[in-house]
Amino acid sequence: MEATLASGIGYAIFFYKRKIHPLKEYELRKNENIRFAGQFGVPFIDADCDRDNWFERARGMAHEPERGVRAAARYPGLMQSECNWRKGGGSARMTEISKRESFHQQAYCGCVYSLRDANRHRVEGGRERMQLGVKFYGDEEPATD
């Protein structure tokens, strides 16, 4: 966001994350976007949560692997900027900003299937299930509710 503003390109944040589950996770991610956009005066367009639409698009794909055809079903009909922000130090910059802003550290893509699979993997590996909304960049230990 900072780099785009510095380039002089006008833009808005269009938040359309219909797959995020549970609602607590959706609200956390949305509110972080609103807060960060507000710091820079970037317009924020809230398309609000529409899980029914996403489940309809994902029907029959519950057991597809992450980053597969189910992921592609998220964006039909939407135009978005294709930019590889990871190049040229972008990943390090993302971590730096995330720590500075104390952003939520996302442990899964957000969909109910990813949460299910990640928790299954954790339990099979002898770890506890994920605690949602408690780990933030820059925290030494997960925060408590």
Protein backbone atom coordinates (compact mmCIF):
# COMPACT_ATOMS: atom_id res chain seq x y z
CA MET A 1 0.00 0.00 0.00
CA GLU A 2 2.79 2.41 0.90
CA ALA A 3 4.68 1.70 -2.34
CA THR A 4 1.55 2.11 -4.45
CA LEU A 5 0.82 5.46 -2.84
CA ALA A 6 4.41 6.57 -3.41
CA SER A 7 4.05 5.70 -7.10
CA GLY A 8 1.16 8.14 -7.45
CA ILE A 9 -1.30 5.47 -8.56
CA GLY A 10 -4.79 6.11 -7.22
CA TYR A 11 -6.55 3.06 -5.86
CA ALA A 12 -9.02 1.74 -3.31
CA ILE A 13 -9.09 -1.39 -1.17
CA PHE A 14 -11.94 -3.65 -2.26
CA PHE A 15 -12.49 -6.14 0.56
CA TYR A 16 -14.32 -9.17 -0.78
CA LYS A 17 -13.38 -12.13 1.35
CA ARG A 18 -16.47 -14.28 1.32
CA LYS A 19 -14.63 -17.48 2.23
CA ILE A 20 -13.14 -16.39 5.56
CA HIS A 21 -14.22 -18.65 8.42
CA PRO A 22 -15.12 -18.29 11.23
CA LEU A 23 -16.74 -14.86 11.43
CA LYS A 24 -14.27 -13.81 14.16
CA GLU A 25 -11.40 -14.37 11.70
CA TYR A 26 -13.26 -12.49 8.96
CA GLU A 27 -13.85 -9.49 11.22
CA LEU A 28 -10.23 -9.47 12.40
CA ARG A 29 -8.85 -9.46 8.85
CA LYS A 30 -11.36 -6.86 7.67
CA ASN A 31 -10.72 -4.52 10.59
CA GLU A 32 -6.96 -4.67 10.05
CA ASN A 33 -7.47 -3.65 6.42
CA ILE A 34 -9.79 -0.80 7.43
CA ARG A 35 -7.30 0.45 10.02
CA PHE A 36 -4.30 0.32 7.68
CA ALA A 37 -6.17 1.91 4.75
CA GLY A 38 -7.38 4.66 7.07
CA GLN A 39 -3.82 5.53 8.07
CA PHE A 40 -3.09 6.43 4.45
CA GLY A 41 -6.46 7.87 3.48
CA VAL A 42 -7.06 5.03 1.02
CA PRO A 43 -10.75 4.43 0.27
CA PHE A 44 -12.03 1.13 1.66
CA ILE A 45 -14.89 -0.62 -0.13
CA ASP A 46 -16.52 -3.31 1.99
CA ALA A 47 -18.28 -5.92 -0.12
CA ASP A 48 -19.18 -7.63 3.16
CA CYS A 49 -19.16 -11.30 3.98
CA ASP A 50 -21.08 -13.57 1.61
CA ARG A 51 -20.20 -17.11 2.64
CA ASP A 52 -23.26 -18.66 0.99
CA ASN A 53 -22.01 -17.48 -2.40
CA TRP A 54 -18.56 -18.94 -1.74
CA PHE A 55 -19.93 -22.30 -0.56
CA GLU A 56 -22.04 -22.46 -3.71
CA ARG A 57 -18.94 -21.87 -5.87
CA ALA A 58 -16.88 -24.37 -3.84
CA ARG A 59 -19.53 -27.11 -3.90
CA GLY A 60 -17.94 -30.48 -4.60
CA MET A 61 -14.43 -29.17 -3.92
CA ALA A 62 -14.22 -29.69 -0.15
CA HIS A 63 -11.37 -32.18 -0.49
CA GLU A 64 -9.40 -30.39 -3.19
CA PRO A 65 -5.87 -29.44 -2.13
CA GLU A 66 -5.03 -25.92 -1.02
CA ARG A 67 -4.10 -23.58 -3.91
CA GLY A 68 -5.98 -25.78 -6.37
CA VAL A 69 -9.24 -25.46 -8.26
CA ARG A 70 -11.13 -24.44 -5.12
CA ALA A 71 -8.83 -21.42 -4.75
CA ALA A 72 -9.46 -20.45 -8.37
CA ALA A 73 -13.22 -20.42 -7.68
CA ARG A 74 -12.73 -17.38 -5.45
CA TYR A 75 -12.18 -14.81 -8.15
CA PRO A 76 -14.30 -15.38 -11.28
CA GLY A 77 -15.48 -12.08 -12.70
CA LEU A 78 -13.20 -9.92 -10.56
CA MET A 79 -10.40 -7.78 -11.90
CA GLN A 80 -7.36 -7.44 -9.74
CA SER A 81 -3.87 -6.13 -10.10
CA GLU A 82 -1.28 -8.80 -10.75
CA CYS A 83 1.87 -7.72 -9.01
CA ASN A 84 4.57 -9.92 -7.53
CA TRP A 85 5.17 -7.89 -4.39
CA ARG A 86 7.62 -10.50 -3.06
CA LYS A 87 10.34 -9.44 -5.51
CA GLY A 88 12.97 -6.90 -4.61
CA GLY A 89 12.68 -7.34 -0.86
CA GLY A 90 8.90 -7.25 -0.77
CA SER A 91 8.58 -10.24 1.57
CA ALA A 92 10.96 -8.69 4.08
CA ARG A 93 9.08 -5.38 3.79
CA MET A 94 5.77 -7.18 4.40
CA THR A 95 7.16 -8.71 7.58
CA GLU A 96 8.58 -5.35 8.69
CA ILE A 97 5.23 -3.59 8.18
CA SER A 98 3.32 -6.47 9.78
CA LYS A 99 5.47 -6.25 12.90
CA ARG A 100 5.24 -2.46 13.03
CA GLU A 101 1.44 -2.59 12.70
CA SER A 102 1.04 -5.70 14.91
CA PHE A 103 -0.98 -7.41 12.19
CA HIS A 104 -2.67 -10.73 12.88
CA GLN A 105 -0.44 -13.62 11.83
CA GLN A 106 -2.66 -15.73 9.61
CA ALA A 107 -2.08 -19.46 9.95
CA TYR A 108 -4.38 -20.60 7.11
CA CYS A 109 -5.93 -19.16 3.96
CA GLY A 110 -9.18 -18.42 5.75
CA CYS A 111 -11.59 -20.98 4.34
CA VAL A 112 -13.28 -23.62 6.45
CA TYR A 113 -11.54 -26.39 4.50
CA SER A 114 -8.08 -24.94 5.03
CA LEU A 115 -8.81 -24.55 8.74
CA ARG A 116 -10.01 -28.16 8.88
CA ASP A 117 -6.95 -29.47 7.05
CA ALA A 118 -4.46 -27.34 9.00
CA ASN A 119 -5.93 -28.48 12.31
CA ARG A 120 -5.93 -32.11 11.17
CA HIS A 121 -2.26 -31.79 10.20
CA ARG A 122 -1.41 -30.17 13.53
CA VAL A 123 -3.19 -32.85 15.57
CA GLU A 124 -1.59 -35.65 13.54
CA GLY A 125 1.79 -34.03 14.27
CA GLY A 126 1.09 -33.96 18.01
CA ARG A 127 0.37 -30.23 18.18
CA GLU A 128 -2.69 -28.42 19.48
CA ARG A 129 -5.38 -27.09 17.19
CA MET A 130 -5.00 -23.48 16.09
CA GLN A 131 -6.17 -20.71 18.35
CA LEU A 132 -7.68 -18.09 16.09
CA GLY A 133 -6.98 -14.41 16.46
CA VAL A 134 -4.32 -14.68 19.15
CA LYS A 135 -0.98 -14.51 17.31
CA PHE A 136 0.25 -11.20 15.96
CA TYR A 137 3.46 -10.22 14.21
CA GLY A 138 5.97 -8.95 16.72
CA ASP A 139 4.54 -10.96 19.63
CA GLU A 140 6.98 -13.25 21.38
CA GLU A 141 4.14 -15.41 22.64
CA PRO A 142 0.55 -15.61 21.40
CA ALA A 143 -1.69 -13.07 23.10
CA THR A 144 -4.46 -14.32 25.35
CA ASP A 145 -8.13 -13.39 25.19
